[in-house]
Amino acid sequence: MLANWRITRLNRLLQAGGVIAYPTEGVWGLGCNPWNGSAVERLLDLKQRPVHKGLILIAGEIEQFDFLLWDLPDAQLAKLRLSWPGPNTWLVPHQGRLPEWITGAHDTVALRVTTHPVVRQLCAAAGPLVSTSANPAGRPAARSRLRVEQYFHGELDAIVPGALGGARNPSIIRDLQTDQVIRGA
């Protein structure tokens, strides 16, 4: 767990458009405020990732996604509640409620509720965050702070202290409507 002063500092950085790296369950992630288009653009530039691919949003509690989930069918909402928090990323219809710099060329958005205590603290303070693996496109996901530093050479606003959660792989990604696995565990 992080000290309150550090969470306050990180929240201020995120609200001001900062891009940070932080440990997640399986790999290091890059994150920013999803409502700040300049921050997302900077994150995409750092990753060398095209905007049309879309990004994952991560939250500490399912209620942080209420603005996207409130009108889902009961069966789909129950599926989310049973799988979260946990290593499950779901493609959920966004109904135009998110900016295109998050959704890319898709009519769904990738959502996950984390079990990682540090990320939960960050999300409790800042709200949902963009969460993408901390690596340039085509390179392996960072599994250490050192690798994050090697990849991004001081270009990040902060690297959050902490350890990975012990998962061997990034989260599984499934389509909420079809249950199709997009990325296996």
N, C-alpha and C. Protein backbone atom coordinates (compact mmCIF):
# COMPACT_ATOMS: atom_id res chain seq x y z
N MET A 1 0.84 -1.18 0.00
CA MET A 1 0.00 0.00 0.00
C MET A 1 0.88 1.25 0.00
N LEU A 2 0.38 2.28 -0.64
CA LEU A 2 1.14 3.53 -0.73
C LEU A 2 0.67 4.52 0.33
N ALA A 3 1.59 5.36 0.77
CA ALA A 3 1.26 6.41 1.72
C ALA A 3 0.28 7.41 1.09
N ASN A 4 -0.55 8.02 1.91
CA ASN A 4 -1.54 8.98 1.42
C ASN A 4 -0.91 10.13 0.64
N TRP A 5 0.24 10.62 1.10
CA TRP A 5 0.89 11.73 0.39
C TRP A 5 1.28 11.33 -1.03
N ARG A 6 1.71 10.06 -1.19
CA ARG A 6 2.12 9.60 -2.53
C ARG A 6 0.89 9.46 -3.44
N ILE A 7 -0.20 8.93 -2.89
CA ILE A 7 -1.43 8.82 -3.68
C ILE A 7 -1.91 10.20 -4.11
N THR A 8 -1.86 11.17 -3.19
CA THR A 8 -2.27 12.54 -3.51
C THR A 8 -1.40 13.11 -4.62
N ARG A 9 -0.11 12.89 -4.54
CA ARG A 9 0.83 13.38 -5.57
C ARG A 9 0.55 12.73 -6.92
N LEU A 10 0.34 11.41 -6.91
CA LEU A 10 0.07 10.70 -8.16
C LEU A 10 -1.26 11.15 -8.76
N ASN A 11 -2.26 11.35 -7.93
CA ASN A 11 -3.55 11.82 -8.42
C ASN A 11 -3.40 13.20 -9.08
N ARG A 12 -2.65 14.08 -8.45
CA ARG A 12 -2.41 15.41 -9.05
C ARG A 12 -1.72 15.29 -10.40
N LEU A 13 -0.72 14.42 -10.48
CA LEU A 13 -0.03 14.19 -11.75
C LEU A 13 -1.01 13.70 -12.82
N LEU A 14 -1.85 12.73 -12.46
CA LEU A 14 -2.80 12.17 -13.41
C LEU A 14 -3.82 13.22 -13.86
N GLN A 15 -4.33 14.02 -12.92
CA GLN A 15 -5.31 15.04 -13.27
C GLN A 15 -4.69 16.13 -14.14
N ALA A 16 -3.39 16.35 -14.01
CA ALA A 16 -2.69 17.36 -14.80
C ALA A 16 -2.23 16.82 -16.16
N GLY A 17 -2.55 15.57 -16.47
CA GLY A 17 -2.17 15.01 -17.77
C GLY A 17 -0.93 14.16 -17.76
N GLY A 18 -0.50 13.73 -16.59
CA GLY A 18 0.70 12.91 -16.49
C GLY A 18 0.48 11.48 -16.97
N VAL A 19 1.58 10.86 -17.35
CA VAL A 19 1.60 9.44 -17.72
C VAL A 19 2.51 8.74 -16.73
N ILE A 20 2.00 7.66 -16.14
CA ILE A 20 2.73 6.95 -15.09
C ILE A 20 2.85 5.47 -15.44
N ALA A 21 3.80 4.82 -14.80
CA ALA A 21 3.92 3.36 -14.86
C ALA A 21 3.64 2.82 -13.47
N TYR A 22 3.02 1.65 -13.40
CA TYR A 22 2.67 1.06 -12.11
C TYR A 22 2.59 -0.45 -12.24
N PRO A 23 2.81 -1.15 -11.11
CA PRO A 23 2.73 -2.61 -11.15
C PRO A 23 1.27 -3.05 -11.18
N THR A 24 0.98 -4.10 -11.93
CA THR A 24 -0.35 -4.70 -11.94
C THR A 24 -0.22 -6.16 -11.52
N GLU A 25 -1.24 -6.93 -11.77
CA GLU A 25 -1.22 -8.33 -11.36
C GLU A 25 -0.13 -9.13 -12.05
N GLY A 26 0.12 -8.87 -13.34
CA GLY A 26 1.05 -9.71 -14.09
C GLY A 26 2.21 -8.98 -14.75
N VAL A 27 1.99 -7.75 -15.18
CA VAL A 27 3.04 -6.98 -15.86
C VAL A 27 2.93 -5.53 -15.40
N TRP A 28 3.95 -4.74 -15.70
CA TRP A 28 3.88 -3.31 -15.43
C TRP A 28 2.97 -2.65 -16.45
N GLY A 29 2.21 -1.67 -15.98
CA GLY A 29 1.29 -0.96 -16.85
C GLY A 29 1.66 0.50 -16.99
N LEU A 30 1.19 1.08 -18.09
CA LEU A 30 1.25 2.53 -18.28
C LEU A 30 -0.17 3.04 -18.13
N GLY A 31 -0.32 4.17 -17.48
CA GLY A 31 -1.64 4.70 -17.27
C GLY A 31 -1.69 6.21 -17.33
N CYS A 32 -2.91 6.70 -17.53
CA CYS A 32 -3.17 8.13 -17.52
C CYS A 32 -4.67 8.34 -17.33
N ASN A 33 -5.06 9.59 -17.23
CA ASN A 33 -6.47 9.97 -17.11
C ASN A 33 -7.15 9.75 -18.47
N PRO A 34 -8.14 8.89 -18.56
CA PRO A 34 -8.76 8.60 -19.85
C PRO A 34 -9.52 9.78 -20.45
N TRP A 35 -9.85 10.77 -19.65
CA TRP A 35 -10.61 11.93 -20.14
C TRP A 35 -9.70 13.02 -20.68
N ASN A 36 -8.39 12.86 -20.54
CA ASN A 36 -7.43 13.86 -21.00
C ASN A 36 -6.82 13.38 -22.32
N GLY A 37 -7.31 13.93 -23.42
CA GLY A 37 -6.85 13.50 -24.74
C GLY A 37 -5.37 13.70 -24.97
N SER A 38 -4.79 14.76 -24.43
CA SER A 38 -3.35 14.99 -24.59
C SER A 38 -2.54 13.92 -23.86
N ALA A 39 -3.00 13.54 -22.67
CA ALA A 39 -2.30 12.49 -21.91
C ALA A 39 -2.37 11.16 -22.65
N VAL A 40 -3.55 10.83 -23.19
CA VAL A 40 -3.69 9.58 -23.92
C VAL A 40 -2.82 9.60 -25.17
N GLU A 41 -2.80 10.72 -25.87
CA GLU A 41 -1.96 10.84 -27.07
C GLU A 41 -0.49 10.64 -26.72
N ARG A 42 -0.06 11.21 -25.62
CA ARG A 42 1.33 11.05 -25.18
C ARG A 42 1.63 9.59 -24.84
N LEU A 43 0.70 8.93 -24.13
CA LEU A 43 0.87 7.52 -23.79
C LEU A 43 0.97 6.68 -25.07
N LEU A 44 0.10 6.94 -26.03
CA LEU A 44 0.14 6.20 -27.29
C LEU A 44 1.46 6.44 -28.04
N ASP A 45 1.96 7.67 -28.01
CA ASP A 45 3.25 7.97 -28.64
C ASP A 45 4.38 7.20 -27.96
N LEU A 46 4.36 7.16 -26.61
CA LEU A 46 5.39 6.42 -25.88
C LEU A 46 5.37 4.94 -26.25
N LYS A 47 4.18 4.39 -26.39
CA LYS A 47 4.04 2.97 -26.72
C LYS A 47 4.21 2.70 -28.21
N GLN A 48 4.14 3.76 -29.03
CA GLN A 48 4.15 3.60 -30.49
C GLN A 48 2.94 2.76 -30.92
N ARG A 49 1.79 3.07 -30.31
CA ARG A 49 0.56 2.33 -30.55
C ARG A 49 -0.43 3.23 -31.28
N PRO A 50 -1.04 2.73 -32.36
CA PRO A 50 -2.02 3.55 -33.07
C PRO A 50 -3.33 3.68 -32.29
N VAL A 51 -3.97 4.83 -32.38
CA VAL A 51 -5.18 5.11 -31.63
C VAL A 51 -6.33 4.20 -32.03
N HIS A 52 -6.36 3.72 -33.27
CA HIS A 52 -7.50 2.91 -33.72
C HIS A 52 -7.61 1.56 -32.99
N LYS A 53 -6.54 1.12 -32.32
CA LYS A 53 -6.59 -0.15 -31.60
C LYS A 53 -7.41 -0.09 -30.31
N GLY A 54 -7.56 1.11 -29.74
CA GLY A 54 -8.29 1.25 -28.48
C GLY A 54 -7.42 0.88 -27.29
N LEU A 55 -7.94 1.19 -26.10
CA LEU A 55 -7.18 0.98 -24.86
C LEU A 55 -8.07 0.34 -23.80
N ILE A 56 -7.44 -0.24 -22.80
CA ILE A 56 -8.14 -0.82 -21.65
C ILE A 56 -8.33 0.25 -20.59
N LEU A 57 -9.48 0.24 -19.94
CA LEU A 57 -9.71 1.04 -18.75
C LEU A 57 -9.72 0.11 -17.55
N ILE A 58 -9.08 0.54 -16.48
CA ILE A 58 -8.99 -0.26 -15.26
C ILE A 58 -9.61 0.53 -14.12
N ALA A 59 -10.29 -0.17 -13.22
CA ALA A 59 -10.91 0.46 -12.06
C ALA A 59 -10.61 -0.37 -10.82
N GLY A 60 -10.83 0.25 -9.67
CA GLY A 60 -10.65 -0.44 -8.41
C GLY A 60 -11.92 -1.09 -7.91
N GLU A 61 -13.07 -0.60 -8.37
CA GLU A 61 -14.39 -1.12 -7.99
C GLU A 61 -15.29 -1.08 -9.22
N ILE A 62 -16.18 -2.04 -9.34
CA ILE A 62 -17.08 -2.08 -10.49
C ILE A 62 -17.93 -0.81 -10.58
N GLU A 63 -18.26 -0.20 -9.45
CA GLU A 63 -19.09 1.00 -9.45
C GLU A 63 -18.44 2.16 -10.22
N GLN A 64 -17.13 2.13 -10.37
CA GLN A 64 -16.46 3.18 -11.14
C GLN A 64 -16.81 3.10 -12.62
N PHE A 65 -17.38 1.99 -13.05
CA PHE A 65 -17.82 1.83 -14.44
C PHE A 65 -19.34 1.96 -14.59
N ASP A 66 -20.02 2.40 -13.56
CA ASP A 66 -21.49 2.50 -13.62
C ASP A 66 -21.97 3.30 -14.83
N PHE A 67 -21.24 4.33 -15.22
CA PHE A 67 -21.66 5.16 -16.36
C PHE A 67 -21.68 4.37 -17.67
N LEU A 68 -21.00 3.24 -17.71
CA LEU A 68 -20.99 2.37 -18.89
C LEU A 68 -21.89 1.14 -18.73
N LEU A 69 -22.15 0.74 -17.49
CA LEU A 69 -22.80 -0.54 -17.25
C LEU A 69 -24.27 -0.43 -16.85
N TRP A 70 -24.76 0.75 -16.54
CA TRP A 70 -26.08 0.90 -15.93
C TRP A 70 -27.21 0.30 -16.75
N ASP A 71 -27.08 0.23 -18.07
CA ASP A 71 -28.18 -0.28 -18.89
C ASP A 71 -27.88 -1.63 -19.55
N LEU A 72 -26.87 -2.33 -19.05
CA LEU A 72 -26.59 -3.68 -19.57
C LEU A 72 -27.69 -4.65 -19.16
N PRO A 73 -27.94 -5.67 -19.97
CA PRO A 73 -28.86 -6.72 -19.53
C PRO A 73 -28.36 -7.37 -18.23
N ASP A 74 -29.29 -7.81 -17.40
CA ASP A 74 -28.95 -8.38 -16.09
C ASP A 74 -27.95 -9.53 -16.20
N ALA A 75 -28.11 -10.39 -17.21
CA ALA A 75 -27.21 -11.54 -17.36
C ALA A 75 -25.77 -11.09 -17.62
N GLN A 76 -25.60 -10.05 -18.43
CA GLN A 76 -24.25 -9.55 -18.71
C GLN A 76 -23.65 -8.88 -17.48
N LEU A 77 -24.44 -8.12 -16.76
CA LEU A 77 -23.96 -7.48 -15.54
C LEU A 77 -23.57 -8.53 -14.50
N ALA A 78 -24.35 -9.59 -14.41
CA ALA A 78 -24.02 -10.67 -13.47
C ALA A 78 -22.69 -11.34 -13.84
N LYS A 79 -22.45 -11.50 -15.14
CA LYS A 79 -21.19 -12.10 -15.60
C LYS A 79 -20.00 -11.23 -15.17
N LEU A 80 -20.15 -9.92 -15.30
CA LEU A 80 -19.08 -9.02 -14.88
C LEU A 80 -18.86 -9.11 -13.37
N ARG A 81 -19.94 -9.06 -12.62
CA ARG A 81 -19.84 -9.09 -11.15
C ARG A 81 -19.19 -10.38 -10.65
N LEU A 82 -19.45 -11.50 -11.33
CA LEU A 82 -18.85 -12.78 -10.92
C LEU A 82 -17.35 -12.84 -11.22
N SER A 83 -16.90 -12.09 -12.22
CA SER A 83 -15.51 -12.20 -12.65
C SER A 83 -14.61 -11.09 -12.10
N TRP A 84 -15.19 -10.07 -11.48
CA TRP A 84 -14.43 -8.93 -10.96
C TRP A 84 -14.54 -8.82 -9.46
N PRO A 85 -13.54 -8.33 -8.77
CA PRO A 85 -12.22 -8.01 -9.33
C PRO A 85 -11.48 -9.30 -9.69
N GLY A 86 -10.64 -9.17 -10.69
CA GLY A 86 -9.87 -10.32 -11.13
C GLY A 86 -9.23 -10.10 -12.47
N PRO A 87 -8.53 -11.11 -12.98
CA PRO A 87 -7.74 -10.98 -14.21
C PRO A 87 -8.59 -11.14 -15.47
N ASN A 88 -9.76 -10.54 -15.46
CA ASN A 88 -10.68 -10.66 -16.59
C ASN A 88 -10.96 -9.29 -17.19
N THR A 89 -10.59 -9.13 -18.44
CA THR A 89 -10.90 -7.91 -19.18
C THR A 89 -12.04 -8.25 -20.13
N TRP A 90 -13.06 -7.42 -20.10
CA TRP A 90 -14.25 -7.64 -20.92
C TRP A 90 -14.42 -6.52 -21.94
N LEU A 91 -14.77 -6.88 -23.16
CA LEU A 91 -15.14 -5.91 -24.18
C LEU A 91 -16.62 -5.63 -24.01
N VAL A 92 -16.95 -4.40 -23.62
CA VAL A 92 -18.30 -3.99 -23.26
C VAL A 92 -18.74 -2.89 -24.22
N PRO A 93 -19.97 -2.93 -24.74
CA PRO A 93 -20.45 -1.83 -25.59
C PRO A 93 -20.32 -0.49 -24.86
N HIS A 94 -19.77 0.51 -25.54
CA HIS A 94 -19.56 1.80 -24.87
C HIS A 94 -20.67 2.81 -25.16
N GLN A 95 -21.55 2.53 -26.12
CA GLN A 95 -22.71 3.38 -26.41
C GLN A 95 -22.31 4.84 -26.66
N GLY A 96 -21.11 5.09 -27.15
CA GLY A 96 -20.67 6.46 -27.42
C GLY A 96 -20.39 7.28 -26.17
N ARG A 97 -20.24 6.61 -25.03
CA ARG A 97 -20.03 7.32 -23.76
C ARG A 97 -18.56 7.59 -23.44
N LEU A 98 -17.68 7.22 -24.35
CA LEU A 98 -16.25 7.43 -24.15
C LEU A 98 -15.66 8.10 -25.39
N PRO A 99 -14.57 8.84 -25.20
CA PRO A 99 -13.92 9.47 -26.36
C PRO A 99 -13.28 8.43 -27.27
N GLU A 100 -13.18 8.79 -28.54
CA GLU A 100 -12.60 7.89 -29.54
C GLU A 100 -11.14 7.56 -29.25
N TRP A 101 -10.44 8.44 -28.53
CA TRP A 101 -9.04 8.13 -28.21
C TRP A 101 -8.93 6.96 -27.24
N ILE A 102 -10.05 6.57 -26.60
CA ILE A 102 -10.08 5.37 -25.75
C ILE A 102 -10.60 4.17 -26.54
N THR A 103 -11.68 4.35 -27.25
CA THR A 103 -12.35 3.23 -27.92
C THR A 103 -11.72 2.86 -29.26
N GLY A 104 -10.96 3.77 -29.85
CA GLY A 104 -10.39 3.49 -31.16
C GLY A 104 -11.50 3.30 -32.17
N ALA A 105 -11.33 2.31 -33.03
CA ALA A 105 -12.29 2.04 -34.10
C ALA A 105 -13.35 1.02 -33.68
N HIS A 106 -13.58 0.86 -32.40
CA HIS A 106 -14.44 -0.21 -31.89
C HIS A 106 -15.73 0.33 -31.27
N ASP A 107 -16.77 -0.48 -31.30
CA ASP A 107 -18.01 -0.11 -30.60
C ASP A 107 -18.06 -0.71 -29.20
N THR A 108 -16.95 -1.31 -28.78
CA THR A 108 -16.80 -1.81 -27.41
C THR A 108 -15.57 -1.16 -26.80
N VAL A 109 -15.49 -1.25 -25.48
CA VAL A 109 -14.31 -0.79 -24.75
C VAL A 109 -13.88 -1.91 -23.82
N ALA A 110 -12.58 -2.06 -23.64
CA ALA A 110 -12.03 -3.09 -22.76
C ALA A 110 -12.00 -2.57 -21.33
N LEU A 111 -12.65 -3.30 -20.41
CA LEU A 111 -12.75 -2.90 -19.01
C LEU A 111 -12.25 -4.01 -18.10
N ARG A 112 -11.60 -3.61 -16.99
CA ARG A 112 -11.15 -4.57 -15.99
C ARG A 112 -11.20 -3.93 -14.62
N VAL A 113 -11.61 -4.70 -13.63
CA VAL A 113 -11.54 -4.28 -12.23
C VAL A 113 -10.40 -5.07 -11.60
N THR A 114 -9.42 -4.36 -11.11
CA THR A 114 -8.18 -4.96 -10.63
C THR A 114 -8.28 -5.49 -9.20
N THR A 115 -7.42 -6.44 -8.89
CA THR A 115 -7.24 -6.91 -7.52
C THR A 115 -5.96 -6.34 -6.91
N HIS A 116 -5.13 -5.67 -7.72
CA HIS A 116 -3.84 -5.19 -7.22
C HIS A 116 -4.07 -4.03 -6.25
N PRO A 117 -3.56 -4.14 -5.01
CA PRO A 117 -3.86 -3.12 -4.00
C PRO A 117 -3.37 -1.72 -4.36
N VAL A 118 -2.23 -1.60 -4.99
CA VAL A 118 -1.71 -0.28 -5.35
C VAL A 118 -2.58 0.35 -6.43
N VAL A 119 -2.96 -0.43 -7.43
CA VAL A 119 -3.80 0.11 -8.51
C VAL A 119 -5.18 0.46 -7.97
N ARG A 120 -5.69 -0.34 -7.04
CA ARG A 120 -6.98 -0.01 -6.41
C ARG A 120 -6.90 1.32 -5.68
N GLN A 121 -5.79 1.57 -4.98
CA GLN A 121 -5.59 2.85 -4.32
C GLN A 121 -5.57 3.99 -5.33
N LEU A 122 -4.84 3.81 -6.42
CA LEU A 122 -4.78 4.85 -7.45
C LEU A 122 -6.16 5.15 -8.02
N CYS A 123 -6.91 4.10 -8.34
CA CYS A 123 -8.24 4.28 -8.91
C CYS A 123 -9.22 4.88 -7.90
N ALA A 124 -9.07 4.56 -6.63
CA ALA A 124 -9.94 5.16 -5.61
C ALA A 124 -9.74 6.67 -5.58
N ALA A 125 -8.52 7.13 -5.81
CA ALA A 125 -8.23 8.56 -5.80
C ALA A 125 -8.53 9.23 -7.14
N ALA A 126 -8.16 8.59 -8.23
CA ALA A 126 -8.19 9.23 -9.54
C ALA A 126 -9.36 8.81 -10.42
N GLY A 127 -10.05 7.73 -10.07
CA GLY A 127 -11.07 7.19 -10.95
C GLY A 127 -10.46 6.17 -11.90
N PRO A 128 -11.25 5.67 -12.84
CA PRO A 128 -10.70 4.70 -13.79
C PRO A 128 -9.51 5.29 -14.54
N LEU A 129 -8.57 4.42 -14.87
CA LEU A 129 -7.36 4.83 -15.58
C LEU A 129 -7.22 4.04 -16.87
N VAL A 130 -6.55 4.65 -17.84
CA VAL A 130 -6.06 3.89 -18.98
C VAL A 130 -5.05 2.92 -18.41
N SER A 131 -5.08 1.68 -18.89
CA SER A 131 -4.11 0.70 -18.45
C SER A 131 -3.67 -0.13 -19.65
N THR A 132 -2.43 0.01 -20.01
CA THR A 132 -1.86 -0.74 -21.11
C THR A 132 -0.48 -1.21 -20.68
N SER A 133 -0.03 -2.30 -21.23
CA SER A 133 1.26 -2.84 -20.81
C SER A 133 2.38 -1.83 -21.06
N ALA A 134 3.33 -1.81 -20.15
CA ALA A 134 4.45 -0.86 -20.21
C ALA A 134 5.54 -1.41 -21.11
N ASN A 135 5.36 -1.18 -22.40
CA ASN A 135 6.34 -1.59 -23.39
C ASN A 135 6.04 -0.88 -24.70
N PRO A 136 7.08 -0.58 -25.47
CA PRO A 136 6.83 -0.11 -26.83
C PRO A 136 6.23 -1.25 -27.66
N ALA A 137 5.43 -0.89 -28.65
CA ALA A 137 4.79 -1.90 -29.50
C ALA A 137 5.83 -2.88 -30.03
N GLY A 138 5.47 -4.16 -29.97
CA GLY A 138 6.33 -5.21 -30.48
C GLY A 138 7.38 -5.71 -29.51
N ARG A 139 7.51 -5.08 -28.36
CA ARG A 139 8.48 -5.51 -27.35
C ARG A 139 7.76 -6.25 -26.24
N PRO A 140 8.43 -7.12 -25.50
CA PRO A 140 7.78 -7.83 -24.39
C PRO A 140 7.33 -6.86 -23.30
N ALA A 141 6.23 -7.19 -22.66
CA ALA A 141 5.72 -6.38 -21.55
C ALA A 141 6.74 -6.36 -20.43
N ALA A 142 6.90 -5.20 -19.80
CA ALA A 142 7.86 -5.05 -18.71
C ALA A 142 7.39 -5.84 -17.49
N ARG A 143 8.31 -6.61 -16.91
CA ARG A 143 8.02 -7.36 -15.69
C ARG A 143 8.88 -6.86 -14.53
N SER A 144 9.56 -5.74 -14.74
CA SER A 144 10.36 -5.14 -13.66
C SER A 144 10.40 -3.63 -13.86
N ARG A 145 10.64 -2.94 -12.75
CA ARG A 145 10.79 -1.48 -12.81
C ARG A 145 11.98 -1.12 -13.69
N LEU A 146 13.05 -1.90 -13.61
CA LEU A 146 14.23 -1.64 -14.42
C LEU A 146 13.88 -1.67 -15.91
N ARG A 147 13.09 -2.65 -16.32
CA ARG A 147 12.71 -2.75 -17.74
C ARG A 147 11.87 -1.54 -18.14
N VAL A 148 10.97 -1.08 -17.26
CA VAL A 148 10.19 0.14 -17.55
C VAL A 148 11.14 1.31 -17.78
N GLU A 149 12.12 1.46 -16.91
CA GLU A 149 13.09 2.56 -17.03
C GLU A 149 13.90 2.43 -18.32
N GLN A 150 14.26 1.20 -18.69
CA GLN A 150 15.01 0.99 -19.93
C GLN A 150 14.17 1.35 -21.15
N TYR A 151 12.89 0.96 -21.13
CA TYR A 151 12.02 1.24 -22.27
C TYR A 151 11.75 2.74 -22.43
N PHE A 152 11.55 3.45 -21.33
CA PHE A 152 11.02 4.81 -21.44
C PHE A 152 11.98 5.91 -21.01
N HIS A 153 13.20 5.57 -20.60
CA HIS A 153 14.30 6.53 -20.43
C HIS A 153 13.89 7.87 -19.83
N GLY A 154 13.20 7.87 -18.71
CA GLY A 154 12.87 9.13 -18.05
C GLY A 154 11.74 9.93 -18.69
N GLU A 155 11.00 9.34 -19.62
CA GLU A 155 9.91 10.05 -20.30
C GLU A 155 8.58 9.99 -19.54
N LEU A 156 8.53 9.25 -18.44
CA LEU A 156 7.30 9.14 -17.65
C LEU A 156 7.31 10.17 -16.53
N ASP A 157 6.12 10.54 -16.07
CA ASP A 157 6.01 11.51 -14.98
C ASP A 157 6.22 10.86 -13.62
N ALA A 158 6.00 9.55 -13.52
CA ALA A 158 6.23 8.83 -12.28
C ALA A 158 6.25 7.34 -12.56
N ILE A 159 7.01 6.63 -11.75
CA ILE A 159 6.96 5.17 -11.70
C ILE A 159 6.56 4.82 -10.28
N VAL A 160 5.40 4.22 -10.15
CA VAL A 160 4.82 3.93 -8.84
C VAL A 160 5.55 2.75 -8.22
N PRO A 161 5.99 2.87 -6.97
CA PRO A 161 6.67 1.75 -6.33
C PRO A 161 5.70 0.61 -6.05
N GLY A 162 6.23 -0.59 -6.07
CA GLY A 162 5.41 -1.75 -5.75
C GLY A 162 5.87 -2.97 -6.53
N ALA A 163 5.27 -4.09 -6.20
CA ALA A 163 5.62 -5.37 -6.82
C ALA A 163 4.46 -5.86 -7.67
N LEU A 164 4.78 -6.67 -8.66
CA LEU A 164 3.73 -7.31 -9.45
C LEU A 164 2.94 -8.25 -8.56
N GLY A 165 1.72 -8.54 -8.98
CA GLY A 165 0.82 -9.35 -8.18
C GLY A 165 1.01 -10.85 -8.28
N GLY A 166 1.88 -11.33 -9.11
CA GLY A 166 2.16 -12.76 -9.17
C GLY A 166 1.52 -13.49 -10.32
N ALA A 167 0.66 -12.86 -11.10
CA ALA A 167 0.07 -13.53 -12.27
C ALA A 167 1.15 -13.75 -13.32
N ARG A 168 1.08 -14.85 -14.02
CA ARG A 168 2.10 -15.20 -15.01
C ARG A 168 1.89 -14.46 -16.33
N ASN A 169 0.65 -14.06 -16.61
CA ASN A 169 0.32 -13.47 -17.91
C ASN A 169 -0.60 -12.27 -17.72
N PRO A 170 -0.70 -11.43 -18.77
CA PRO A 170 -1.71 -10.38 -18.74
C PRO A 170 -3.11 -10.99 -18.66
N SER A 171 -4.11 -10.17 -18.37
CA SER A 171 -5.48 -10.67 -18.21
C SER A 171 -6.03 -11.25 -19.51
N ILE A 172 -6.97 -12.16 -19.36
CA ILE A 172 -7.70 -12.70 -20.50
C ILE A 172 -8.67 -11.61 -20.97
N ILE A 173 -8.85 -11.51 -22.28
CA ILE A 173 -9.81 -10.54 -22.84
C ILE A 173 -10.90 -11.32 -23.55
N ARG A 174 -12.17 -11.04 -23.14
CA ARG A 174 -13.33 -11.70 -23.76
C ARG A 174 -14.38 -10.67 -24.14
N ASP A 175 -15.15 -11.01 -25.16
CA ASP A 175 -16.28 -10.19 -25.57
C ASP A 175 -17.47 -10.51 -24.67
N LEU A 176 -18.04 -9.50 -24.04
CA LEU A 176 -19.14 -9.70 -23.10
C LEU A 176 -20.37 -10.28 -23.79
N GLN A 177 -20.62 -9.88 -25.03
CA GLN A 177 -21.84 -10.32 -25.71
C GLN A 177 -21.73 -11.73 -26.27
N THR A 178 -20.53 -12.14 -26.69
CA THR A 178 -20.38 -13.44 -27.36
C THR A 178 -19.58 -14.46 -26.54
N ASP A 179 -18.88 -14.01 -25.49
CA ASP A 179 -17.96 -14.82 -24.70
C ASP A 179 -16.73 -15.27 -25.48
N GLN A 180 -16.54 -14.76 -26.70
CA GLN A 180 -15.37 -15.10 -27.50
C GLN A 180 -14.10 -14.60 -26.81
N VAL A 181 -13.09 -15.47 -26.72
CA VAL A 181 -11.80 -15.08 -26.14
C VAL A 181 -10.99 -14.36 -27.22
N ILE A 182 -10.62 -13.12 -26.92
CA ILE A 182 -9.83 -12.30 -27.84
C ILE A 182 -8.34 -12.49 -27.56
N ARG A 183 -8.00 -12.56 -26.27
CA ARG A 183 -6.61 -12.82 -25.84
C ARG A 183 -6.67 -13.79 -24.69
N GLY A 184 -6.01 -14.91 -24.82
CA GLY A 184 -6.00 -15.92 -23.77
C GLY A 184 -5.09 -15.53 -22.62
N ALA A 185 -5.24 -16.24 -21.53
CA ALA A 185 -4.41 -15.97 -20.33
C ALA A 185 -3.06 -16.62 -20.46
